[in-house]
Structures are given as C-alpha cells and as structure tokens.
Amino acid sequence: MDQPGLRPGAIVRSLAGRDLGSCYVVVRVVDERFVTVANGRRRPVARPKLKNRRHLEVLGWADASLALRLERGAKVTDEEIVKALETIPAGVCEEV
C-alpha cells in the first residue's frame, strides 16, 4: 500500500505500529521508503517520528502555505501542525 505521491504537508493516518489510527502531518521525505511525521502534541516538529510509507494512508492535505513551507524546509510550529490536523473530522483519528 505504498503512497508514491506522499510529500510534505500530507495529512496521514498510521496503519501499523503502536500508533495505529493516529493522524500526523508529513514533515519531511527521508528517502523512497521513509518519511518523518509530527502531530504537534506527542510528536512535536522538533522530534518527528520516522514511519514507513507503506504504513500510512493519506487523508488530505494541509493548507497550501504550510505545505509549501514544509517542502522548502522552513520553520513550522507545533501549533500550525495541530491546526492542520483539526481539519480532519472527529472519529477518523485516535488519540495516542
């Protein structure tokens, strides 16, 4: 279930691991197999989680300005990540 179009700014849900069902924003693409994700709370931008692409499902996209800043590697705050995740309907993601 690889997500070839997975890029910074994508809002994703974890499909495997201890964080099963949790939602994140993709912060950085590490290589063709891994990305780093953050949710602004338990996983801040300063300490993102390394996830295999196959273990993620794309739910949507953060706003264009946030996605563009993430792609360029600019500074993004945890509050901006939390705000982007609030656009996902309740019940889609679990709190870890």
PDB file of N, CA and C in Angstrom:
ATOM      1  N   MET A   1       0.823  -1.188   0.000  1.00  0.00           N
ATOM      2  CA  MET A   1       0.000   0.000   0.000  1.00  0.00           C
ATOM      3  C   MET A   1       0.869   1.254   0.000  1.00  0.00           C
ATOM      4  N   ASP A   2       1.915   1.250  -0.774  1.00  0.00           N
ATOM      5  CA  ASP A   2       2.845   2.366  -0.858  1.00  0.00           C
ATOM      6  C   ASP A   2       2.141   3.598  -1.407  1.00  0.00           C
ATOM      7  N   GLN A   3       2.470   4.752  -0.887  1.00  0.00           N
ATOM      8  CA  GLN A   3       1.890   6.026  -1.310  1.00  0.00           C
ATOM      9  C   GLN A   3       2.946   6.786  -2.105  1.00  0.00           C
ATOM     10  N   PRO A   4       2.986   6.640  -3.436  1.00  0.00           N
ATOM     11  CA  PRO A   4       4.039   7.288  -4.214  1.00  0.00           C
ATOM     12  C   PRO A   4       3.976   8.811  -4.182  1.00  0.00           C
ATOM     13  N   GLY A   5       2.779   9.404  -4.011  1.00  0.00           N
ATOM     14  CA  GLY A   5       2.645  10.850  -4.007  1.00  0.00           C
ATOM     15  C   GLY A   5       2.791  11.478  -2.640  1.00  0.00           C
ATOM     16  N   LEU A   6       3.230  10.719  -1.669  1.00  0.00           N
ATOM     17  CA  LEU A   6       3.366  11.214  -0.300  1.00  0.00           C
ATOM     18  C   LEU A   6       4.451  12.278  -0.256  1.00  0.00           C
ATOM     19  N   ARG A   7       4.071  13.483   0.193  1.00  0.00           N
ATOM     20  CA  ARG A   7       5.051  14.571   0.252  1.00  0.00           C
ATOM     21  C   ARG A   7       4.747  15.456   1.454  1.00  0.00           C
ATOM     22  N   PRO A   8       5.661  16.353   1.837  1.00  0.00           N
ATOM     23  CA  PRO A   8       5.431  17.207   2.995  1.00  0.00           C
ATOM     24  C   PRO A   8       4.113  17.976   2.876  1.00  0.00           C
ATOM     25  N   GLY A   9       3.390  18.006   3.989  1.00  0.00           N
ATOM     26  CA  GLY A   9       2.104  18.689   4.012  1.00  0.00           C
ATOM     27  C   GLY A   9       0.921  17.745   3.927  1.00  0.00           C
ATOM     28  N   ALA A  10       1.173  16.472   3.649  1.00  0.00           N
ATOM     29  CA  ALA A  10       0.088  15.495   3.584  1.00  0.00           C
ATOM     30  C   ALA A  10      -0.369  15.152   4.999  1.00  0.00           C
ATOM     31  N   ILE A  11      -1.687  15.052   5.181  1.00  0.00           N
ATOM     32  CA  ILE A  11      -2.243  14.603   6.447  1.00  0.00           C
ATOM     33  C   ILE A  11      -2.491  13.112   6.305  1.00  0.00           C
ATOM     34  N   VAL A  12      -1.884  12.328   7.198  1.00  0.00           N
ATOM     35  CA  VAL A  12      -1.904  10.869   7.072  1.00  0.00           C
ATOM     36  C   VAL A  12      -2.386  10.212   8.358  1.00  0.00           C
ATOM     37  N   ARG A  13      -2.842   8.963   8.215  1.00  0.00           N
ATOM     38  CA  ARG A  13      -3.226   8.126   9.362  1.00  0.00           C
ATOM     39  C   ARG A  13      -2.307   6.917   9.367  1.00  0.00           C
ATOM     40  N   SER A  14      -1.849   6.534  10.554  1.00  0.00           N
ATOM     41  CA  SER A  14      -0.985   5.378  10.711  1.00  0.00           C
ATOM     42  C   SER A  14      -1.802   4.097  10.579  1.00  0.00           C
ATOM     43  N   LEU A  15      -1.309   3.157   9.783  1.00  0.00           N
ATOM     44  CA  LEU A  15      -1.973   1.874   9.564  1.00  0.00           C
ATOM     45  C   LEU A  15      -1.296   0.735  10.301  1.00  0.00           C
ATOM     46  N   ALA A  16      -0.141   0.991  10.920  1.00  0.00           N
ATOM     47  CA  ALA A  16       0.594  -0.066  11.622  1.00  0.00           C
ATOM     48  C   ALA A  16       1.457   0.540  12.713  1.00  0.00           C
ATOM     49  N   GLY A  17       1.746  -0.266  13.716  1.00  0.00           N
ATOM     50  CA  GLY A  17       2.609   0.155  14.807  1.00  0.00           C
ATOM     51  C   GLY A  17       1.825   0.506  16.050  1.00  0.00           C
ATOM     52  N   ARG A  18       2.535   0.943  17.063  1.00  0.00           N
ATOM     53  CA  ARG A  18       1.896   1.308  18.331  1.00  0.00           C
ATOM     54  C   ARG A  18       0.943   2.482  18.183  1.00  0.00           C
ATOM     55  N   ASP A  19       1.189   3.291  17.175  1.00  0.00           N
ATOM     56  CA  ASP A  19       0.382   4.485  16.956  1.00  0.00           C
ATOM     57  C   ASP A  19      -0.742   4.249  15.944  1.00  0.00           C
ATOM     58  N   LEU A  20      -1.154   3.021  15.768  1.00  0.00           N
ATOM     59  CA  LEU A  20      -2.209   2.654  14.820  1.00  0.00           C
ATOM     60  C   LEU A  20      -3.428   3.552  14.993  1.00  0.00           C
ATOM     61  N   GLY A  21      -3.862   4.172  13.897  1.00  0.00           N
ATOM     62  CA  GLY A  21      -5.036   5.034  13.925  1.00  0.00           C
ATOM     63  C   GLY A  21      -4.742   6.497  14.207  1.00  0.00           C
ATOM     64  N   SER A  22      -3.523   6.828  14.565  1.00  0.00           N
ATOM     65  CA  SER A  22      -3.167   8.219  14.863  1.00  0.00           C
ATOM     66  C   SER A  22      -2.950   9.005  13.580  1.00  0.00           C
ATOM     67  N   CYS A  23      -3.262  10.288  13.639  1.00  0.00           N
ATOM     68  CA  CYS A  23      -3.069  11.160  12.476  1.00  0.00           C
ATOM     69  C   CYS A  23      -1.853  12.054  12.662  1.00  0.00           C
ATOM     70  N   TYR A  24      -1.182  12.322  11.573  1.00  0.00           N
ATOM     71  CA  TYR A  24       0.027  13.130  11.552  1.00  0.00           C
ATOM     72  C   TYR A  24       0.058  13.986  10.297  1.00  0.00           C
ATOM     73  N   VAL A  25       0.991  14.932  10.283  1.00  0.00           N
ATOM     74  CA  VAL A  25       1.329  15.690   9.079  1.00  0.00           C
ATOM     75  C   VAL A  25       2.731  15.263   8.679  1.00  0.00           C
ATOM     76  N   VAL A  26       2.930  14.960   7.390  1.00  0.00           N
ATOM     77  CA  VAL A  26       4.265  14.599   6.902  1.00  0.00           C
ATOM     78  C   VAL A  26       5.128  15.850   6.940  1.00  0.00           C
ATOM     79  N   VAL A  27       6.260  15.741   7.632  1.00  0.00           N
ATOM     80  CA  VAL A  27       7.173  16.869   7.800  1.00  0.00           C
ATOM     81  C   VAL A  27       8.285  16.837   6.750  1.00  0.00           C
ATOM     82  N   ARG A  28       8.797  15.636   6.473  1.00  0.00           N
ATOM     83  CA  ARG A  28       9.940  15.529   5.565  1.00  0.00           C
ATOM     84  C   ARG A  28       9.958  14.155   4.921  1.00  0.00           C
ATOM     85  N   VAL A  29      10.401  14.105   3.666  1.00  0.00           N
ATOM     86  CA  VAL A  29      10.618  12.832   2.988  1.00  0.00           C
ATOM     87  C   VAL A  29      12.091  12.481   3.183  1.00  0.00           C
ATOM     88  N   VAL A  30      12.342  11.345   3.840  1.00  0.00           N
ATOM     89  CA  VAL A  30      13.708  10.931   4.126  1.00  0.00           C
ATOM     90  C   VAL A  30      14.324  10.273   2.898  1.00  0.00           C
ATOM     91  N   ASP A  31      13.635   9.290   2.341  1.00  0.00           N
ATOM     92  CA  ASP A  31      14.064   8.610   1.118  1.00  0.00           C
ATOM     93  C   ASP A  31      12.838   7.979   0.478  1.00  0.00           C
ATOM     94  N   GLU A  32      13.038   7.072  -0.462  1.00  0.00           N
ATOM     95  CA  GLU A  32      11.907   6.465  -1.161  1.00  0.00           C
ATOM     96  C   GLU A  32      11.081   5.544  -0.271  1.00  0.00           C
ATOM     97  N   ARG A  33      11.563   5.210   0.911  1.00  0.00           N
ATOM     98  CA  ARG A  33      10.861   4.287   1.795  1.00  0.00           C
ATOM     99  C   ARG A  33      10.305   4.931   3.064  1.00  0.00           C
ATOM    100  N   PHE A  34      10.953   5.973   3.564  1.00  0.00           N
ATOM    101  CA  PHE A  34      10.579   6.554   4.850  1.00  0.00           C
ATOM    102  C   PHE A  34      10.257   8.041   4.759  1.00  0.00           C
ATOM    103  N   VAL A  35       9.380   8.471   5.663  1.00  0.00           N
ATOM    104  CA  VAL A  35       9.059   9.888   5.865  1.00  0.00           C
ATOM    105  C   VAL A  35       9.064  10.154   7.371  1.00  0.00           C
ATOM    106  N   THR A  36       9.165  11.425   7.752  1.00  0.00           N
ATOM    107  CA  THR A  36       9.008  11.783   9.154  1.00  0.00           C
ATOM    108  C   THR A  36       7.670  12.497   9.308  1.00  0.00           C
ATOM    109  N   VAL A  37       7.007  12.222  10.430  1.00  0.00           N
ATOM    110  CA  VAL A  37       5.685  12.784  10.689  1.00  0.00           C
ATOM    111  C   VAL A  37       5.639  13.387  12.083  1.00  0.00           C
ATOM    112  N   ALA A  38       4.754  14.372  12.256  1.00  0.00           N
ATOM    113  CA  ALA A  38       4.569  15.015  13.559  1.00  0.00           C
ATOM    114  C   ALA A  38       3.095  15.337  13.728  1.00  0.00           C
ATOM    115  N   ASN A  39       2.661  15.402  15.010  1.00  0.00           N
ATOM    116  CA  ASN A  39       1.276  15.799  15.270  1.00  0.00           C
ATOM    117  C   ASN A  39       1.204  17.036  16.159  1.00  0.00           C
ATOM    118  N   GLY A  40       2.335  17.583  16.565  1.00  0.00           N
ATOM    119  CA  GLY A  40       2.355  18.805  17.342  1.00  0.00           C
ATOM    120  C   GLY A  40       2.133  18.613  18.830  1.00  0.00           C
ATOM    121  N   ARG A  41       1.743  17.424  19.245  1.00  0.00           N
ATOM    122  CA  ARG A  41       1.500  17.165  20.661  1.00  0.00           C
ATOM    123  C   ARG A  41       2.518  16.149  21.168  1.00  0.00           C
ATOM    124  N   ARG A  42       2.203  14.884  21.041  1.00  0.00           N
ATOM    125  CA  ARG A  42       3.136  13.843  21.499  1.00  0.00           C
ATOM    126  C   ARG A  42       4.346  13.719  20.586  1.00  0.00           C
ATOM    127  N   ARG A  43       4.175  14.108  19.338  1.00  0.00           N
ATOM    128  CA  ARG A  43       5.270  14.101  18.377  1.00  0.00           C
ATOM    129  C   ARG A  43       5.452  15.505  17.813  1.00  0.00           C
ATOM    130  N   PRO A  44       6.249  16.341  18.508  1.00  0.00           N
ATOM    131  CA  PRO A  44       6.461  17.706  18.027  1.00  0.00           C
ATOM    132  C   PRO A  44       7.345  17.738  16.780  1.00  0.00           C
ATOM    133  N   VAL A  45       7.364  18.867  16.123  1.00  0.00           N
ATOM    134  CA  VAL A  45       8.168  19.049  14.918  1.00  0.00           C
ATOM    135  C   VAL A  45       9.651  18.867  15.232  1.00  0.00           C
ATOM    136  N   ALA A  46      10.064  19.214  16.425  1.00  0.00           N
ATOM    137  CA  ALA A  46      11.470  19.080  16.817  1.00  0.00           C
ATOM    138  C   ALA A  46      11.885  17.623  16.984  1.00  0.00           C
ATOM    139  N   ARG A  47      10.908  16.712  17.174  1.00  0.00           N
ATOM    140  CA  ARG A  47      11.205  15.299  17.387  1.00  0.00           C
ATOM    141  C   ARG A  47      10.202  14.435  16.599  1.00  0.00           C
ATOM    142  N   PRO A  48      10.263  14.518  15.257  1.00  0.00           N
ATOM    143  CA  PRO A  48       9.278  13.787  14.452  1.00  0.00           C
ATOM    144  C   PRO A  48       9.516  12.279  14.472  1.00  0.00           C
ATOM    145  N   LYS A  49       8.478  11.533  14.122  1.00  0.00           N
ATOM    146  CA  LYS A  49       8.532  10.067  14.104  1.00  0.00           C
ATOM    147  C   LYS A  49       8.878   9.603  12.698  1.00  0.00           C
ATOM    148  N   LEU A  50       9.772   8.653  12.592  1.00  0.00           N
ATOM    149  CA  LEU A  50      10.131   8.038  11.322  1.00  0.00           C
ATOM    150  C   LEU A  50       9.124   6.924  11.023  1.00  0.00           C
ATOM    151  N   LYS A  51       8.458   6.997   9.864  1.00  0.00           N
ATOM    152  CA  LYS A  51       7.449   5.998   9.504  1.00  0.00           C
ATOM    153  C   LYS A  51       7.712   5.484   8.096  1.00  0.00           C
ATOM    154  N   ASN A  52       7.433   4.193   7.923  1.00  0.00           N
ATOM    155  CA  ASN A  52       7.492   3.577   6.611  1.00  0.00           C
ATOM    156  C   ASN A  52       6.288   4.063   5.807  1.00  0.00           C
ATOM    157  N   ARG A  53       6.492   4.440   4.550  1.00  0.00           N
ATOM    158  CA  ARG A  53       5.408   4.929   3.698  1.00  0.00           C
ATOM    159  C   ARG A  53       4.263   3.933   3.578  1.00  0.00           C
ATOM    160  N   ARG A  54       4.595   2.649   3.576  1.00  0.00           N
ATOM    161  CA  ARG A  54       3.562   1.622   3.417  1.00  0.00           C
ATOM    162  C   ARG A  54       2.618   1.568   4.609  1.00  0.00           C
ATOM    163  N   HIS A  55       3.014   2.155   5.717  1.00  0.00           N
ATOM    164  CA  HIS A  55       2.200   2.119   6.929  1.00  0.00           C
ATOM    165  C   HIS A  55       1.368   3.377   7.112  1.00  0.00           C
ATOM    166  N   LEU A  56       1.231   4.181   6.043  1.00  0.00           N
ATOM    167  CA  LEU A  56       0.487   5.428   6.121  1.00  0.00           C
ATOM    168  C   LEU A  56      -0.602   5.499   5.058  1.00  0.00           C
ATOM    169  N   GLU A  57      -1.722   6.128   5.415  1.00  0.00           N
ATOM    170  CA  GLU A  57      -2.826   6.362   4.493  1.00  0.00           C
ATOM    171  C   GLU A  57      -3.038   7.866   4.402  1.00  0.00           C
ATOM    172  N   VAL A  58      -3.049   8.416   3.196  1.00  0.00           N
ATOM    173  CA  VAL A  58      -3.256   9.850   3.008  1.00  0.00           C
ATOM    174  C   VAL A  58      -4.736  10.169   3.198  1.00  0.00           C
ATOM    175  N   LEU A  59      -5.030  11.128   4.085  1.00  0.00           N
ATOM    176  CA  LEU A  59      -6.408  11.543   4.357  1.00  0.00           C
ATOM    177  C   LEU A  59      -6.732  12.873   3.696  1.00  0.00           C
ATOM    178  N   GLY A  60      -5.734  13.692   3.463  1.00  0.00           N
ATOM    179  CA  GLY A  60      -5.962  15.010   2.887  1.00  0.00           C
ATOM    180  C   GLY A  60      -4.670  15.802   2.880  1.00  0.00           C
ATOM    181  N   TRP A  61      -4.809  17.113   2.744  1.00  0.00           N
ATOM    182  CA  TRP A  61      -3.636  17.976   2.654  1.00  0.00           C
ATOM    183  C   TRP A  61      -3.786  19.161   3.590  1.00  0.00           C
ATOM    184  N   ALA A  62      -2.679  19.578   4.169  1.00  0.00           N
ATOM    185  CA  ALA A  62      -2.650  20.790   4.981  1.00  0.00           C
ATOM    186  C   ALA A  62      -2.813  21.979   4.040  1.00  0.00           C
ATOM    187  N   ASP A  63      -3.059  23.157   4.595  1.00  0.00           N
ATOM    188  CA  ASP A  63      -3.227  24.315   3.711  1.00  0.00           C
ATOM    189  C   ASP A  63      -1.966  24.544   2.892  1.00  0.00           C
ATOM    190  N   ALA A  64      -2.127  25.209   1.764  1.00  0.00           N
ATOM    191  CA  ALA A  64      -1.053  25.347   0.779  1.00  0.00           C
ATOM    192  C   ALA A  64       0.185  26.045   1.342  1.00  0.00           C
ATOM    193  N   SER A  65       0.009  27.059   2.165  1.00  0.00           N
ATOM    194  CA  SER A  65       1.171  27.784   2.685  1.00  0.00           C
ATOM    195  C   SER A  65       2.001  26.911   3.624  1.00  0.00           C
ATOM    196  N   LEU A  66       1.329  26.115   4.460  1.00  0.00           N
ATOM    197  CA  LEU A  66       2.040  25.204   5.363  1.00  0.00           C
ATOM    198  C   LEU A  66       2.776  24.131   4.567  1.00  0.00           C
ATOM    199  N   ALA A  67       2.111  23.543   3.577  1.00  0.00           N
ATOM    200  CA  ALA A  67       2.738  22.510   2.755  1.00  0.00           C
ATOM    201  C   ALA A  67       3.959  23.061   2.017  1.00  0.00           C
ATOM    202  N   LEU A  68       3.843  24.261   1.492  1.00  0.00           N
ATOM    203  CA  LEU A  68       4.961  24.871   0.767  1.00  0.00           C
ATOM    204  C   LEU A  68       6.145  25.123   1.690  1.00  0.00           C
ATOM    205  N   ARG A  69       5.868  25.614   2.908  1.00  0.00           N
ATOM    206  CA  ARG A  69       6.954  25.843   3.860  1.00  0.00           C
ATOM    207  C   ARG A  69       7.617  24.543   4.274  1.00  0.00           C
ATOM    208  N   LEU A  70       6.826  23.476   4.446  1.00  0.00           N
ATOM    209  CA  LEU A  70       7.401  22.176   4.791  1.00  0.00           C
ATOM    210  C   LEU A  70       8.283  21.655   3.653  1.00  0.00           C
ATOM    211  N   GLU A  71       7.833  21.806   2.413  1.00  0.00           N
ATOM    212  CA  GLU A  71       8.631  21.340   1.269  1.00  0.00           C
ATOM    213  C   GLU A  71       9.939  22.093   1.152  1.00  0.00           C
ATOM    214  N   ARG A  72       9.925  23.377   1.485  1.00  0.00           N
ATOM    215  CA  ARG A  72      11.138  24.197   1.405  1.00  0.00           C
ATOM    216  C   ARG A  72      12.047  24.020   2.611  1.00  0.00           C
ATOM    217  N   GLY A  73      11.544  23.386   3.665  1.00  0.00           N
ATOM    218  CA  GLY A  73      12.350  23.168   4.860  1.00  0.00           C
ATOM    219  C   GLY A  73      12.333  24.347   5.807  1.00  0.00           C
ATOM    220  N   ALA A  74      11.353  25.240   5.652  1.00  0.00           N
ATOM    221  CA  ALA A  74      11.245  26.407   6.528  1.00  0.00           C
ATOM    222  C   ALA A  74      10.709  25.989   7.895  1.00  0.00           C
ATOM    223  N   LYS A  75      10.841  26.868   8.857  1.00  0.00           N
ATOM    224  CA  LYS A  75      10.399  26.621  10.232  1.00  0.00           C
ATOM    225  C   LYS A  75       8.878  26.538  10.294  1.00  0.00           C
ATOM    226  N   VAL A  76       8.380  25.495  10.956  1.00  0.00           N
ATOM    227  CA  VAL A  76       6.949  25.292  11.163  1.00  0.00           C
ATOM    228  C   VAL A  76       6.745  25.021  12.648  1.00  0.00           C
ATOM    229  N   THR A  77       5.692  25.596  13.226  1.00  0.00           N
ATOM    230  CA  THR A  77       5.458  25.425  14.658  1.00  0.00           C
ATOM    231  C   THR A  77       4.503  24.256  14.916  1.00  0.00           C
ATOM    232  N   ASP A  78       4.538  23.768  16.146  1.00  0.00           N
ATOM    233  CA  ASP A  78       3.631  22.695  16.549  1.00  0.00           C
ATOM    234  C   ASP A  78       2.177  23.149  16.495  1.00  0.00           C
ATOM    235  N   GLU A  79       1.928  24.415  16.796  1.00  0.00           N
ATOM    236  CA  GLU A  79       0.570  24.947  16.753  1.00  0.00           C
ATOM    237  C   GLU A  79      -0.002  24.886  15.343  1.00  0.00           C
ATOM    238  N   GLU A  80       0.828  25.145  14.338  1.00  0.00           N
ATOM    239  CA  GLU A  80       0.376  25.078  12.942  1.00  0.00           C
ATOM    240  C   GLU A  80       0.040  23.640  12.548  1.00  0.00           C
ATOM    241  N   ILE A  81       0.818  22.693  13.042  1.00  0.00           N
ATOM    242  CA  ILE A  81       0.560  21.278  12.769  1.00  0.00           C
ATOM    243  C   ILE A  81      -0.766  20.863  13.416  1.00  0.00           C
ATOM    244  N   VAL A  82      -0.977  21.259  14.670  1.00  0.00           N
ATOM    245  CA  VAL A  82      -2.217  20.924  15.379  1.00  0.00           C
ATOM    246  C   VAL A  82      -3.413  21.527  14.642  1.00  0.00           C
ATOM    247  N   LYS A  83      -3.297  22.761  14.203  1.00  0.00           N
ATOM    248  CA  LYS A  83      -4.391  23.427  13.481  1.00  0.00           C
ATOM    249  C   LYS A  83      -4.706  22.694  12.180  1.00  0.00           C
ATOM    250  N   ALA A  84      -3.686  22.227  11.470  1.00  0.00           N
ATOM    251  CA  ALA A  84      -3.906  21.479  10.230  1.00  0.00           C
ATOM    252  C   ALA A  84      -4.628  20.167  10.510  1.00  0.00           C
ATOM    253  N   LEU A  85      -4.280  19.506  11.616  1.00  0.00           N
ATOM    254  CA  LEU A  85      -4.915  18.230  11.960  1.00  0.00           C
ATOM    255  C   LEU A  85      -6.355  18.405  12.439  1.00  0.00           C
ATOM    256  N   GLU A  86      -6.709  19.587  12.894  1.00  0.00           N
ATOM    257  CA  GLU A  86      -8.083  19.838  13.338  1.00  0.00           C
ATOM    258  C   GLU A  86      -9.075  19.856  12.182  1.00  0.00           C
ATOM    259  N   THR A  87      -8.598  19.910  10.940  1.00  0.00           N
ATOM    260  CA  THR A  87      -9.479  19.891   9.770  1.00  0.00           C
ATOM    261  C   THR A  87     -10.027  18.484   9.501  1.00  0.00           C
ATOM    262  N   ILE A  88      -9.398  17.470  10.098  1.00  0.00           N
ATOM    263  CA  ILE A  88      -9.855  16.082   9.923  1.00  0.00           C
ATOM    264  C   ILE A  88     -11.098  15.876  10.790  1.00  0.00           C
ATOM    265  N   PRO A  89     -12.159  15.269  10.258  1.00  0.00           N
ATOM    266  CA  PRO A  89     -13.384  15.045  11.038  1.00  0.00           C
ATOM    267  C   PRO A  89     -13.113  14.199  12.292  1.00  0.00           C
ATOM    268  N   ALA A  90     -13.898  14.463  13.331  1.00  0.00           N
ATOM    269  CA  ALA A  90     -13.779  13.717  14.584  1.00  0.00           C
ATOM    270  C   ALA A  90     -14.080  12.244  14.344  1.00  0.00           C
ATOM    271  N   GLY A  91     -13.373  11.380  15.035  1.00  0.00           N
ATOM    272  CA  GLY A  91     -13.589   9.934  14.919  1.00  0.00           C
ATOM    273  C   GLY A  91     -12.728   9.256  13.877  1.00  0.00           C
ATOM    274  N   VAL A  92     -12.077  10.037  13.003  1.00  0.00           N
ATOM    275  CA  VAL A  92     -11.222   9.434  11.980  1.00  0.00           C
ATOM    276  C   VAL A  92      -9.888   9.031  12.586  1.00  0.00           C
ATOM    277  N   CYS A  93      -9.409   9.818  13.517  1.00  0.00           N
ATOM    278  CA  CYS A  93      -8.112   9.565  14.142  1.00  0.00           C
ATOM    279  C   CYS A  93      -8.286   9.259  15.626  1.00  0.00           C
ATOM    280  N   GLU A  94      -7.416   8.412  16.130  1.00  0.00           N
ATOM    281  CA  GLU A  94      -7.385   8.110  17.562  1.00  0.00           C
ATOM    282  C   GLU A  94      -6.342   8.960  18.227  1.00  0.00           C
ATOM    283  N   GLU A  95      -6.562   9.273  19.473  1.00  0.00           N
ATOM    284  CA  GLU A  95      -5.550   9.966  20.274  1.00  0.00           C
ATOM    285  C   GLU A  95      -4.668   8.926  20.923  1.00  0.00           C
ATOM    286  N   VAL A  96      -3.370   9.095  20.782  1.00  0.00           N
ATOM    287  CA  VAL A  96      -2.416   8.155  21.380  1.00  0.00           C
ATOM    288  C   VAL A  96      -1.880   8.744  22.655  1.00  0.00           C
TER     289      VAL A  96
END
